[in-house]
Amino acid sequence: MTTHHQFDALVVGAGGAGLMAALHCSKTVKNTAVLSKLYPTRSHTGTAQGGVAAPLGNMEEDNWEWYMYDTVKGGDYLVDQDAAEVLAKESSEAV
């Protein structure tokens, strides 16, 4: 047996951006649904490391390669490694 549902708006993803979109949709759209692979508290927003980091060189043995590795590993190896390299090499000037 198949159940059919009808919605005026469908938000895909229950991370921070998806839930914010659903909140705003619900103010103007009659029937809003959120579709997610995960329970909202298990989204990447909820598990993000956060903060600001850069290889400043103010601690011994600090370098951009380790920062890049931490960035890629923290992103479950799904991070664009070319972008992570640019971030790691150039972030110390910005911070």
PDB file of N, CA and C in Angstrom:
ATOM      1  N   MET A   1       0.836  -1.178   0.000  1.00  0.00           N
ATOM      2  CA  MET A   1       0.000   0.000   0.000  1.00  0.00           C
ATOM      3  C   MET A   1       0.882   1.244   0.000  1.00  0.00           C
ATOM      4  N   THR A   2       0.573   2.180  -0.853  1.00  0.00           N
ATOM      5  CA  THR A   2       1.341   3.412  -0.966  1.00  0.00           C
ATOM      6  C   THR A   2       0.541   4.572  -0.390  1.00  0.00           C
ATOM      7  N   THR A   3       1.202   5.374   0.411  1.00  0.00           N
ATOM      8  CA  THR A   3       0.575   6.570   0.961  1.00  0.00           C
ATOM      9  C   THR A   3       1.107   7.780   0.214  1.00  0.00           C
ATOM     10  N   HIS A   4       0.233   8.643  -0.226  1.00  0.00           N
ATOM     11  CA  HIS A   4       0.627   9.857  -0.937  1.00  0.00           C
ATOM     12  C   HIS A   4       0.392  11.064  -0.037  1.00  0.00           C
ATOM     13  N   HIS A   5       1.355  11.959  -0.034  1.00  0.00           N
ATOM     14  CA  HIS A   5       1.240  13.203   0.723  1.00  0.00           C
ATOM     15  C   HIS A   5       1.372  14.356  -0.254  1.00  0.00           C
ATOM     16  N   GLN A   6       0.697  15.440   0.032  1.00  0.00           N
ATOM     17  CA  GLN A   6       0.796  16.614  -0.832  1.00  0.00           C
ATOM     18  C   GLN A   6       1.186  17.808   0.029  1.00  0.00           C
ATOM     19  N   PHE A   7       2.211  18.539  -0.434  1.00  0.00           N
ATOM     20  CA  PHE A   7       2.709  19.703   0.288  1.00  0.00           C
ATOM     21  C   PHE A   7       2.815  20.883  -0.660  1.00  0.00           C
ATOM     22  N   ASP A   8       2.723  22.074  -0.101  1.00  0.00           N
ATOM     23  CA  ASP A   8       2.910  23.286  -0.893  1.00  0.00           C
ATOM     24  C   ASP A   8       4.398  23.617  -1.028  1.00  0.00           C
ATOM     25  N   ALA A   9       5.190  23.203  -0.044  1.00  0.00           N
ATOM     26  CA  ALA A   9       6.638  23.434  -0.086  1.00  0.00           C
ATOM     27  C   ALA A   9       7.340  22.226   0.519  1.00  0.00           C
ATOM     28  N   LEU A  10       8.450  21.850  -0.078  1.00  0.00           N
ATOM     29  CA  LEU A  10       9.263  20.746   0.422  1.00  0.00           C
ATOM     30  C   LEU A  10      10.689  21.245   0.588  1.00  0.00           C
ATOM     31  N   VAL A  11      11.199  21.170   1.806  1.00  0.00           N
ATOM     32  CA  VAL A  11      12.571  21.567   2.097  1.00  0.00           C
ATOM     33  C   VAL A  11      13.386  20.291   2.236  1.00  0.00           C
ATOM     34  N   VAL A  12      14.455  20.180   1.461  1.00  0.00           N
ATOM     35  CA  VAL A  12      15.315  18.997   1.509  1.00  0.00           C
ATOM     36  C   VAL A  12      16.512  19.315   2.390  1.00  0.00           C
ATOM     37  N   GLY A  13      16.627  18.603   3.500  1.00  0.00           N
ATOM     38  CA  GLY A  13      17.726  18.800   4.434  1.00  0.00           C
ATOM     39  C   GLY A  13      17.236  19.425   5.723  1.00  0.00           C
ATOM     40  N   ALA A  14      17.665  18.864   6.849  1.00  0.00           N
ATOM     41  CA  ALA A  14      17.232  19.356   8.151  1.00  0.00           C
ATOM     42  C   ALA A  14      18.393  19.905   8.962  1.00  0.00           C
ATOM     43  N   GLY A  15      19.404  20.409   8.262  1.00  0.00           N
ATOM     44  CA  GLY A  15      20.485  21.105   8.948  1.00  0.00           C
ATOM     45  C   GLY A  15      20.034  22.515   9.291  1.00  0.00           C
ATOM     46  N   GLY A  16      20.952  23.350   9.684  1.00  0.00           N
ATOM     47  CA  GLY A  16      20.609  24.719  10.058  1.00  0.00           C
ATOM     48  C   GLY A  16      19.913  25.480   8.951  1.00  0.00           C
ATOM     49  N   ALA A  17      20.438  25.402   7.734  1.00  0.00           N
ATOM     50  CA  ALA A  17      19.848  26.131   6.609  1.00  0.00           C
ATOM     51  C   ALA A  17      18.481  25.564   6.243  1.00  0.00           C
ATOM     52  N   GLY A  18      18.345  24.248   6.242  1.00  0.00           N
ATOM     53  CA  GLY A  18      17.071  23.628   5.897  1.00  0.00           C
ATOM     54  C   GLY A  18      15.979  23.960   6.896  1.00  0.00           C
ATOM     55  N   LEU A  19      16.300  23.894   8.186  1.00  0.00           N
ATOM     56  CA  LEU A  19      15.293  24.209   9.195  1.00  0.00           C
ATOM     57  C   LEU A  19      14.927  25.686   9.181  1.00  0.00           C
ATOM     58  N   MET A  20      15.902  26.556   8.898  1.00  0.00           N
ATOM     59  CA  MET A  20      15.600  27.983   8.789  1.00  0.00           C
ATOM     60  C   MET A  20      14.695  28.236   7.585  1.00  0.00           C
ATOM     61  N   ALA A  21      14.964  27.560   6.469  1.00  0.00           N
ATOM     62  CA  ALA A  21      14.113  27.696   5.284  1.00  0.00           C
ATOM     63  C   ALA A  21      12.698  27.213   5.590  1.00  0.00           C
ATOM     64  N   ALA A  22      12.581  26.103   6.299  1.00  0.00           N
ATOM     65  CA  ALA A  22      11.259  25.576   6.648  1.00  0.00           C
ATOM     66  C   ALA A  22      10.512  26.530   7.569  1.00  0.00           C
ATOM     67  N   LEU A  23      11.225  27.127   8.501  1.00  0.00           N
ATOM     68  CA  LEU A  23      10.605  28.092   9.409  1.00  0.00           C
ATOM     69  C   LEU A  23      10.032  29.274   8.633  1.00  0.00           C
ATOM     70  N   HIS A  24      10.822  29.813   7.713  1.00  0.00           N
ATOM     71  CA  HIS A  24      10.354  30.949   6.916  1.00  0.00           C
ATOM     72  C   HIS A  24       9.233  30.538   5.965  1.00  0.00           C
ATOM     73  N   CYS A  25       9.323  29.358   5.387  1.00  0.00           N
ATOM     74  CA  CYS A  25       8.248  28.859   4.510  1.00  0.00           C
ATOM     75  C   CYS A  25       6.941  28.734   5.278  1.00  0.00           C
ATOM     76  N   SER A  26       7.029  28.243   6.493  1.00  0.00           N
ATOM     77  CA  SER A  26       5.813  27.989   7.269  1.00  0.00           C
ATOM     78  C   SER A  26       5.039  29.263   7.577  1.00  0.00           C
ATOM     79  N   LYS A  27       5.693  30.409   7.481  1.00  0.00           N
ATOM     80  CA  LYS A  27       5.019  31.686   7.746  1.00  0.00           C
ATOM     81  C   LYS A  27       4.154  32.131   6.575  1.00  0.00           C
ATOM     82  N   THR A  28       4.487  31.670   5.375  1.00  0.00           N
ATOM     83  CA  THR A  28       3.749  32.120   4.189  1.00  0.00           C
ATOM     84  C   THR A  28       3.105  30.989   3.397  1.00  0.00           C
ATOM     85  N   VAL A  29       3.542  29.773   3.625  1.00  0.00           N
ATOM     86  CA  VAL A  29       3.040  28.617   2.877  1.00  0.00           C
ATOM     87  C   VAL A  29       2.198  27.763   3.823  1.00  0.00           C
ATOM     88  N   LYS A  30       1.072  27.305   3.327  1.00  0.00           N
ATOM     89  CA  LYS A  30       0.125  26.575   4.171  1.00  0.00           C
ATOM     90  C   LYS A  30       0.676  25.246   4.687  1.00  0.00           C
ATOM     91  N   ASN A  31       1.318  24.478   3.827  1.00  0.00           N
ATOM     92  CA  ASN A  31       1.693  23.111   4.167  1.00  0.00           C
ATOM     93  C   ASN A  31       3.149  22.856   3.774  1.00  0.00           C
ATOM     94  N   THR A  32       4.060  22.909   4.745  1.00  0.00           N
ATOM     95  CA  THR A  32       5.493  22.759   4.497  1.00  0.00           C
ATOM     96  C   THR A  32       5.984  21.439   5.088  1.00  0.00           C
ATOM     97  N   ALA A  33       6.830  20.733   4.350  1.00  0.00           N
ATOM     98  CA  ALA A  33       7.427  19.485   4.838  1.00  0.00           C
ATOM     99  C   ALA A  33       8.944  19.593   4.775  1.00  0.00           C
ATOM    100  N   VAL A  34       9.608  18.914   5.702  1.00  0.00           N
ATOM    101  CA  VAL A  34      11.070  18.833   5.715  1.00  0.00           C
ATOM    102  C   VAL A  34      11.442  17.373   5.483  1.00  0.00           C
ATOM    103  N   LEU A  35      12.310  17.139   4.507  1.00  0.00           N
ATOM    104  CA  LEU A  35      12.763  15.791   4.169  1.00  0.00           C
ATOM    105  C   LEU A  35      14.245  15.687   4.520  1.00  0.00           C
ATOM    106  N   SER A  36      14.597  14.695   5.314  1.00  0.00           N
ATOM    107  CA  SER A  36      15.986  14.553   5.741  1.00  0.00           C
ATOM    108  C   SER A  36      16.352  13.082   5.860  1.00  0.00           C
ATOM    109  N   LYS A  37      17.611  12.776   5.559  1.00  0.00           N
ATOM    110  CA  LYS A  37      18.109  11.414   5.748  1.00  0.00           C
ATOM    111  C   LYS A  37      18.346  11.129   7.228  1.00  0.00           C
ATOM    112  N   LEU A  38      18.603  12.193   7.985  1.00  0.00           N
ATOM    113  CA  LEU A  38      18.968  12.051   9.388  1.00  0.00           C
ATOM    114  C   LEU A  38      17.976  12.776  10.285  1.00  0.00           C
ATOM    115  N   TYR A  39      17.923  12.375  11.545  1.00  0.00           N
ATOM    116  CA  TYR A  39      17.167  13.127  12.533  1.00  0.00           C
ATOM    117  C   TYR A  39      17.848  14.494  12.657  1.00  0.00           C
ATOM    118  N   PRO A  40      17.095  15.592  12.795  1.00  0.00           N
ATOM    119  CA  PRO A  40      17.707  16.930  12.764  1.00  0.00           C
ATOM    120  C   PRO A  40      18.912  17.127  13.687  1.00  0.00           C
ATOM    121  N   THR A  41      18.904  16.553  14.875  1.00  0.00           N
ATOM    122  CA  THR A  41      20.045  16.747  15.775  1.00  0.00           C
ATOM    123  C   THR A  41      21.290  15.983  15.329  1.00  0.00           C
ATOM    124  N   ARG A  42      21.156  15.126  14.322  1.00  0.00           N
ATOM    125  CA  ARG A  42      22.307  14.394  13.788  1.00  0.00           C
ATOM    126  C   ARG A  42      22.840  15.034  12.508  1.00  0.00           C
ATOM    127  N   SER A  43      22.302  16.181  12.133  1.00  0.00           N
ATOM    128  CA  SER A  43      22.732  16.843  10.899  1.00  0.00           C
ATOM    129  C   SER A  43      24.168  17.337  11.033  1.00  0.00           C
ATOM    130  N   HIS A  44      24.746  17.718   9.924  1.00  0.00           N
ATOM    131  CA  HIS A  44      26.118  18.222   9.954  1.00  0.00           C
ATOM    132  C   HIS A  44      26.219  19.529  10.717  1.00  0.00           C
ATOM    133  N   THR A  45      25.153  20.323  10.729  1.00  0.00           N
ATOM    134  CA  THR A  45      25.161  21.557  11.504  1.00  0.00           C
ATOM    135  C   THR A  45      25.352  21.240  12.979  1.00  0.00           C
ATOM    136  N   GLY A  46      24.664  20.222  13.453  1.00  0.00           N
ATOM    137  CA  GLY A  46      24.759  19.851  14.860  1.00  0.00           C
ATOM    138  C   GLY A  46      26.092  19.241  15.241  1.00  0.00           C
ATOM    139  N   THR A  47      26.799  18.688  14.279  1.00  0.00           N
ATOM    140  CA  THR A  47      28.074  18.039  14.579  1.00  0.00           C
ATOM    141  C   THR A  47      29.280  18.846  14.105  1.00  0.00           C
ATOM    142  N   ALA A  48      29.036  20.047  13.591  1.00  0.00           N
ATOM    143  CA  ALA A  48      30.138  20.873  13.083  1.00  0.00           C
ATOM    144  C   ALA A  48      31.092  21.252  14.207  1.00  0.00           C
ATOM    145  N   GLN A  49      32.358  21.331  13.876  1.00  0.00           N
ATOM    146  CA  GLN A  49      33.362  21.665  14.876  1.00  0.00           C
ATOM    147  C   GLN A  49      33.305  23.136  15.257  1.00  0.00           C
ATOM    148  N   GLY A  50      33.058  23.990  14.290  1.00  0.00           N
ATOM    149  CA  GLY A  50      32.948  25.420  14.563  1.00  0.00           C
ATOM    150  C   GLY A  50      34.270  26.055  14.951  1.00  0.00           C
ATOM    151  N   GLY A  51      34.221  27.331  15.224  1.00  0.00           N
ATOM    152  CA  GLY A  51      35.409  28.058  15.628  1.00  0.00           C
ATOM    153  C   GLY A  51      36.218  28.542  14.446  1.00  0.00           C
ATOM    154  N   VAL A  52      37.289  29.243  14.757  1.00  0.00           N
ATOM    155  CA  VAL A  52      38.202  29.753  13.743  1.00  0.00           C
ATOM    156  C   VAL A  52      39.579  29.210  14.069  1.00  0.00           C
ATOM    157  N   ALA A  53      40.243  28.689  13.072  1.00  0.00           N
ATOM    158  CA  ALA A  53      41.577  28.144  13.280  1.00  0.00           C
ATOM    159  C   ALA A  53      42.463  28.524  12.106  1.00  0.00           C
ATOM    160  N   ALA A  54      43.730  28.599  12.376  1.00  0.00           N
ATOM    161  CA  ALA A  54      44.718  28.870  11.334  1.00  0.00           C
ATOM    162  C   ALA A  54      46.081  28.449  11.854  1.00  0.00           C
ATOM    163  N   PRO A  55      46.976  28.047  10.957  1.00  0.00           N
ATOM    164  CA  PRO A  55      48.338  27.703  11.385  1.00  0.00           C
ATOM    165  C   PRO A  55      49.143  28.980  11.598  1.00  0.00           C
ATOM    166  N   LEU A  56      49.113  29.528  12.793  1.00  0.00           N
ATOM    167  CA  LEU A  56      49.745  30.819  13.071  1.00  0.00           C
ATOM    168  C   LEU A  56      51.242  30.710  13.315  1.00  0.00           C
ATOM    169  N   GLY A  57      51.713  29.521  13.620  1.00  0.00           N
ATOM    170  CA  GLY A  57      53.134  29.356  13.882  1.00  0.00           C
ATOM    171  C   GLY A  57      53.534  29.851  15.262  1.00  0.00           C
ATOM    172  N   ASN A  58      52.543  30.134  16.117  1.00  0.00           N
ATOM    173  CA  ASN A  58      52.861  30.615  17.461  1.00  0.00           C
ATOM    174  C   ASN A  58      53.015  29.469  18.463  1.00  0.00           C
ATOM    175  N   MET A  59      52.886  28.256  17.984  1.00  0.00           N
ATOM    176  CA  MET A  59      53.123  27.074  18.803  1.00  0.00           C
ATOM    177  C   MET A  59      54.168  26.237  18.078  1.00  0.00           C
ATOM    178  N   GLU A  60      54.969  25.534  18.823  1.00  0.00           N
ATOM    179  CA  GLU A  60      56.005  24.753  18.156  1.00  0.00           C
ATOM    180  C   GLU A  60      55.393  23.706  17.235  1.00  0.00           C
ATOM    181  N   GLU A  61      56.065  23.442  16.162  1.00  0.00           N
ATOM    182  CA  GLU A  61      55.677  22.431  15.184  1.00  0.00           C
ATOM    183  C   GLU A  61      54.274  22.651  14.603  1.00  0.00           C
ATOM    184  N   ASP A  62      53.916  23.892  14.348  1.00  0.00           N
ATOM    185  CA  ASP A  62      52.632  24.227  13.736  1.00  0.00           C
ATOM    186  C   ASP A  62      52.875  24.503  12.259  1.00  0.00           C
ATOM    187  N   ASN A  63      52.097  23.886  11.363  1.00  0.00           N
ATOM    188  CA  ASN A  63      52.275  24.171   9.942  1.00  0.00           C
ATOM    189  C   ASN A  63      50.972  23.982   9.182  1.00  0.00           C
ATOM    190  N   TRP A  64      50.929  24.494   7.977  1.00  0.00           N
ATOM    191  CA  TRP A  64      49.706  24.482   7.173  1.00  0.00           C
ATOM    192  C   TRP A  64      49.278  23.071   6.781  1.00  0.00           C
ATOM    193  N   GLU A  65      50.246  22.155   6.634  1.00  0.00           N
ATOM    194  CA  GLU A  65      49.898  20.793   6.227  1.00  0.00           C
ATOM    195  C   GLU A  65      49.067  20.073   7.291  1.00  0.00           C
ATOM    196  N   TRP A  66      49.401  20.290   8.552  1.00  0.00           N
ATOM    197  CA  TRP A  66      48.624  19.671   9.621  1.00  0.00           C
ATOM    198  C   TRP A  66      47.236  20.295   9.694  1.00  0.00           C
ATOM    199  N   TYR A  67      47.178  21.607   9.468  1.00  0.00           N
ATOM    200  CA  TYR A  67      45.884  22.292   9.474  1.00  0.00           C
ATOM    201  C   TYR A  67      45.011  21.768   8.332  1.00  0.00           C
ATOM    202  N   MET A  68      45.608  21.574   7.170  1.00  0.00           N
ATOM    203  CA  MET A  68      44.863  21.026   6.033  1.00  0.00           C
ATOM    204  C   MET A  68      44.356  19.624   6.365  1.00  0.00           C
ATOM    205  N   TYR A  69      45.215  18.804   6.941  1.00  0.00           N
ATOM    206  CA  TYR A  69      44.816  17.444   7.324  1.00  0.00           C
ATOM    207  C   TYR A  69      43.642  17.478   8.303  1.00  0.00           C
ATOM    208  N   ASP A  70      43.724  18.334   9.329  1.00  0.00           N
ATOM    209  CA  ASP A  70      42.638  18.453  10.303  1.00  0.00           C
ATOM    210  C   ASP A  70      41.334  18.892   9.640  1.00  0.00           C
ATOM    211  N   THR A  71      41.439  19.802   8.661  1.00  0.00           N
ATOM    212  CA  THR A  71      40.255  20.286   7.948  1.00  0.00           C
ATOM    213  C   THR A  71      39.612  19.167   7.139  1.00  0.00           C
ATOM    214  N   VAL A  72      40.417  18.422   6.414  1.00  0.00           N
ATOM    215  CA  VAL A  72      39.904  17.327   5.583  1.00  0.00           C
ATOM    216  C   VAL A  72      39.335  16.215   6.470  1.00  0.00           C
ATOM    217  N   LYS A  73      40.052  15.854   7.515  1.00  0.00           N
ATOM    218  CA  LYS A  73      39.584  14.804   8.426  1.00  0.00           C
ATOM    219  C   LYS A  73      38.295  15.231   9.122  1.00  0.00           C
ATOM    220  N   GLY A  74      38.235  16.490   9.568  1.00  0.00           N
ATOM    221  CA  GLY A  74      37.040  17.001  10.242  1.00  0.00           C
ATOM    222  C   GLY A  74      35.821  17.014   9.341  1.00  0.00           C
ATOM    223  N   GLY A  75      36.049  17.057   8.033  1.00  0.00           N
ATOM    224  CA  GLY A  75      34.958  17.018   7.060  1.00  0.00           C
ATOM    225  C   GLY A  75      34.680  15.624   6.545  1.00  0.00           C
ATOM    226  N   ASP A  76      35.073  14.616   7.323  1.00  0.00           N
ATOM    227  CA  ASP A  76      34.850  13.207   6.951  1.00  0.00           C
ATOM    228  C   ASP A  76      35.421  12.869   5.579  1.00  0.00           C
ATOM    229  N   TYR A  77      36.506  13.531   5.209  1.00  0.00           N
ATOM    230  CA  TYR A  77      37.208  13.302   3.939  1.00  0.00           C
ATOM    231  C   TYR A  77      36.350  13.635   2.716  1.00  0.00           C
ATOM    232  N   LEU A  78      35.303  14.434   2.921  1.00  0.00           N
ATOM    233  CA  LEU A  78      34.450  14.874   1.821  1.00  0.00           C
ATOM    234  C   LEU A  78      34.816  16.285   1.370  1.00  0.00           C
ATOM    235  N   VAL A  79      35.758  16.909   2.053  1.00  0.00           N
ATOM    236  CA  VAL A  79      36.175  18.282   1.768  1.00  0.00           C
ATOM    237  C   VAL A  79      36.929  18.347   0.444  1.00  0.00           C
ATOM    238  N   ASP A  80      36.697  19.395  -0.317  1.00  0.00           N
ATOM    239  CA  ASP A  80      37.471  19.658  -1.537  1.00  0.00           C
ATOM    240  C   ASP A  80      38.911  19.926  -1.095  1.00  0.00           C
ATOM    241  N   GLN A  81      39.821  19.015  -1.399  1.00  0.00           N
ATOM    242  CA  GLN A  81      41.178  19.111  -0.874  1.00  0.00           C
ATOM    243  C   GLN A  81      41.967  20.268  -1.464  1.00  0.00           C
ATOM    244  N   ASP A  82      41.669  20.664  -2.699  1.00  0.00           N
ATOM    245  CA  ASP A  82      42.331  21.847  -3.262  1.00  0.00           C
ATOM    246  C   ASP A  82      41.919  23.096  -2.492  1.00  0.00           C
ATOM    247  N   ALA A  83      40.628  23.205  -2.167  1.00  0.00           N
ATOM    248  CA  ALA A  83      40.140  24.348  -1.396  1.00  0.00           C
ATOM    249  C   ALA A  83      40.716  24.324   0.018  1.00  0.00           C
ATOM    250  N   ALA A  84      40.835  23.134   0.609  1.00  0.00           N
ATOM    251  CA  ALA A  84      41.406  23.015   1.950  1.00  0.00           C
ATOM    252  C   ALA A  84      42.867  23.449   1.959  1.00  0.00           C
ATOM    253  N   GLU A  85      43.580  23.157   0.889  1.00  0.00           N
ATOM    254  CA  GLU A  85      44.982  23.574   0.803  1.00  0.00           C
ATOM    255  C   GLU A  85      45.093  25.094   0.737  1.00  0.00           C
ATOM    256  N   VAL A  86      44.258  25.726  -0.077  1.00  0.00           N
ATOM    257  CA  VAL A  86      44.266  27.195  -0.166  1.00  0.00           C
ATOM    258  C   VAL A  86      43.916  27.791   1.196  1.00  0.00           C
ATOM    259  N   LEU A  87      42.882  27.257   1.839  1.00  0.00           N
ATOM    260  CA  LEU A  87      42.490  27.731   3.163  1.00  0.00           C
ATOM    261  C   LEU A  87      43.651  27.614   4.144  1.00  0.00           C
ATOM    262  N   ALA A  88      44.294  26.455   4.155  1.00  0.00           N
ATOM    263  CA  ALA A  88      45.381  26.217   5.100  1.00  0.00           C
ATOM    264  C   ALA A  88      46.569  27.136   4.855  1.00  0.00           C
ATOM    265  N   LYS A  89      46.888  27.383   3.605  1.00  0.00           N
ATOM    266  CA  LYS A  89      48.047  28.219   3.281  1.00  0.00           C
ATOM    267  C   LYS A  89      47.782  29.706   3.508  1.00  0.00           C
ATOM    268  N   GLU A  90      46.533  30.155   3.294  1.00  0.00           N
ATOM    269  CA  GLU A  90      46.254  31.592   3.321  1.00  0.00           C
ATOM    270  C   GLU A  90      45.526  32.078   4.569  1.00  0.00           C
ATOM    271  N   SER A  91      45.046  31.172   5.409  1.00  0.00           N
ATOM    272  CA  SER A  91      44.226  31.586   6.547  1.00  0.00           C
ATOM    273  C   SER A  91      45.002  32.319   7.633  1.00  0.00           C
ATOM    274  N   SER A  92      46.273  32.014   7.795  1.00  0.00           N
ATOM    275  CA  SER A  92      47.023  32.663   8.875  1.00  0.00           C
ATOM    276  C   SER A  92      47.093  34.174   8.687  1.00  0.00           C
ATOM    277  N   GLU A  93      47.146  34.651   7.449  1.00  0.00           N
ATOM    278  CA  GLU A  93      47.153  36.096   7.204  1.00  0.00           C
ATOM    279  C   GLU A  93      45.813  36.725   7.568  1.00  0.00           C
ATOM    280  N   ALA A  94      44.716  36.017   7.295  1.00  0.00           N
ATOM    281  CA  ALA A  94      43.382  36.556   7.570  1.00  0.00           C
ATOM    282  C   ALA A  94      43.067  36.573   9.064  1.00  0.00           C
ATOM    283  N   VAL A  95      43.565  35.570   9.788  1.00  0.00           N
ATOM    284  CA  VAL A  95      43.283  35.479  11.222  1.00  0.00           C
ATOM    285  C   VAL A  95      44.251  36.363  11.968  1.00  0.00           C
TER     286      VAL A  95
END
